[in-house]
Structure formats: structure tokens, C-alpha cells
Amino acid sequence: MVNKLATSVGRYAVKKIANKFLDKAVERISKPYERLKREVFGIKPLNVGEKELIQCLQNKKNSSNYCKSVGEKVRKVYHKTGKY
């Protein structure tokens, strides 16, 4: 019984870690490609907070007002600290 429980918990932990690792790897691979695509096609870079706003809007559970507040929060932090 204990062995089965430990195995189940171990599998769950491995799945969580693997998914996070895979997400980070895909993000790191896609960033240079996105930069290159923007330079080739002459697409202007996104303004401060637009990336977060787009990511928020992609989740169908979030309301548009909530997503606007997320973008505004990022812009406020940027204006206070100058870091993005």
C-alpha cells in the first residue's frame, strides 16, 4: 500500500517537473525565432504590458477588465522602476 502510494506521488511529481521543463524549453527556443520573424517582416515590438495582456486574454476564464488591469499593473511597475 505504501509502495503504491509512493509510486503514485513520484509519477505525479515527475509529470509536473517534466511539464515545467518542457514549457521553459519551448519558450527559450521560440524567443529567438519570434525576434527574427519580427525583424524580417518589419513588425514593431510590442509595447510595455501588451505581451502580458495578450497572454491574459488567451485564457478564456479571464475577463477583459481583469486583463486590462494586468497590463496597467505592468506599465505602472515599468514607469516606477524603468525595468521590464
Protein backbone atom coordinates (compact mmCIF):
# COMPACT_ATOMS: atom_id res chain seq x y z
CA MET A 1 0.00 0.00 0.00
CA VAL A 2 2.73 2.45 0.98
CA ASN A 3 4.78 1.41 -2.04
CA LYS A 4 1.87 2.11 -4.39
CA LEU A 5 1.27 5.50 -2.78
CA ALA A 6 4.94 6.45 -3.10
CA THR A 7 4.96 5.36 -6.73
CA SER A 8 1.85 7.43 -7.50
CA VAL A 9 3.28 10.52 -5.81
CA GLY A 10 6.58 10.02 -7.65
CA ARG A 11 4.85 9.78 -11.03
CA TYR A 12 2.85 12.92 -10.31
CA ALA A 13 6.00 14.83 -9.31
CA VAL A 14 7.87 13.68 -12.42
CA LYS A 15 4.99 14.77 -14.66
CA LYS A 16 4.85 18.22 -13.04
CA ILE A 17 8.62 18.74 -13.31
CA ALA A 18 8.73 17.45 -16.90
CA ASN A 19 5.88 19.73 -17.97
CA LYS A 20 7.52 22.82 -16.45
CA PHE A 21 10.86 21.91 -18.04
CA LEU A 22 9.23 21.36 -21.43
CA ASP A 23 7.37 24.70 -21.23
CA LYS A 24 10.59 26.57 -20.39
CA ALA A 25 12.48 24.81 -23.19
CA VAL A 26 9.83 25.70 -25.77
CA GLU A 27 9.81 29.31 -24.57
CA ARG A 28 13.61 29.59 -24.85
CA ILE A 29 13.59 28.08 -28.33
CA SER A 30 10.75 30.24 -29.62
CA LYS A 31 12.04 33.62 -28.37
CA PRO A 32 14.88 33.95 -30.93
CA TYR A 33 12.56 32.75 -33.70
CA GLU A 34 9.96 35.36 -32.78
CA ARG A 35 12.63 38.09 -32.72
CA LEU A 36 13.92 37.04 -36.13
CA LYS A 37 10.40 36.88 -37.59
CA ARG A 38 9.66 40.39 -36.33
CA GLU A 39 12.88 41.76 -37.87
CA VAL A 40 12.33 40.05 -41.23
CA PHE A 41 8.72 41.11 -41.63
CA GLY A 42 9.22 44.56 -40.11
CA ILE A 43 6.83 44.02 -37.23
CA LYS A 44 7.29 46.57 -34.48
CA PRO A 45 7.99 45.21 -31.00
CA LEU A 46 5.14 45.12 -28.51
CA ASN A 47 4.69 47.97 -26.08
CA VAL A 48 5.13 47.51 -22.34
CA GLY A 49 2.35 45.33 -20.93
CA GLU A 50 0.96 44.15 -24.29
CA LYS A 51 2.62 40.74 -24.05
CA GLU A 52 1.06 40.13 -20.63
CA LEU A 53 -2.30 41.43 -21.88
CA ILE A 54 -2.27 39.02 -24.83
CA GLN A 55 -1.33 36.08 -22.60
CA CYS A 56 -4.13 37.00 -20.20
CA LEU A 57 -6.71 37.26 -22.99
CA GLN A 58 -5.75 33.83 -24.33
CA ASN A 59 -7.15 32.29 -21.14
CA LYS A 60 -10.91 32.21 -21.73
CA LYS A 61 -11.67 32.29 -17.99
CA ASN A 62 -10.26 35.82 -17.59
CA SER A 63 -12.46 38.85 -18.19
CA SER A 64 -11.32 41.72 -20.37
CA ASN A 65 -11.37 44.15 -17.43
CA TYR A 66 -9.08 41.87 -15.43
CA CYS A 67 -6.68 41.60 -18.37
CA LYS A 68 -6.62 45.37 -18.78
CA SER A 69 -5.69 45.70 -15.12
CA VAL A 70 -2.84 43.21 -15.62
CA GLY A 71 -1.43 45.32 -18.46
CA GLU A 72 -1.81 48.52 -16.46
CA LYS A 73 -0.04 46.99 -13.48
CA VAL A 74 2.96 46.06 -15.65
CA ARG A 75 3.06 49.58 -17.10
CA LYS A 76 2.96 51.15 -13.62
CA VAL A 77 5.85 48.97 -12.48
CA TYR A 78 7.78 49.93 -15.62
CA HIS A 79 7.23 53.63 -15.08
CA LYS A 80 8.32 53.40 -11.43
CA THR A 81 11.39 51.20 -11.91
CA GLY A 82 12.28 51.54 -15.58
CA LYS A 83 12.68 47.77 -15.79
CA TYR A 84 10.63 45.47 -17.95
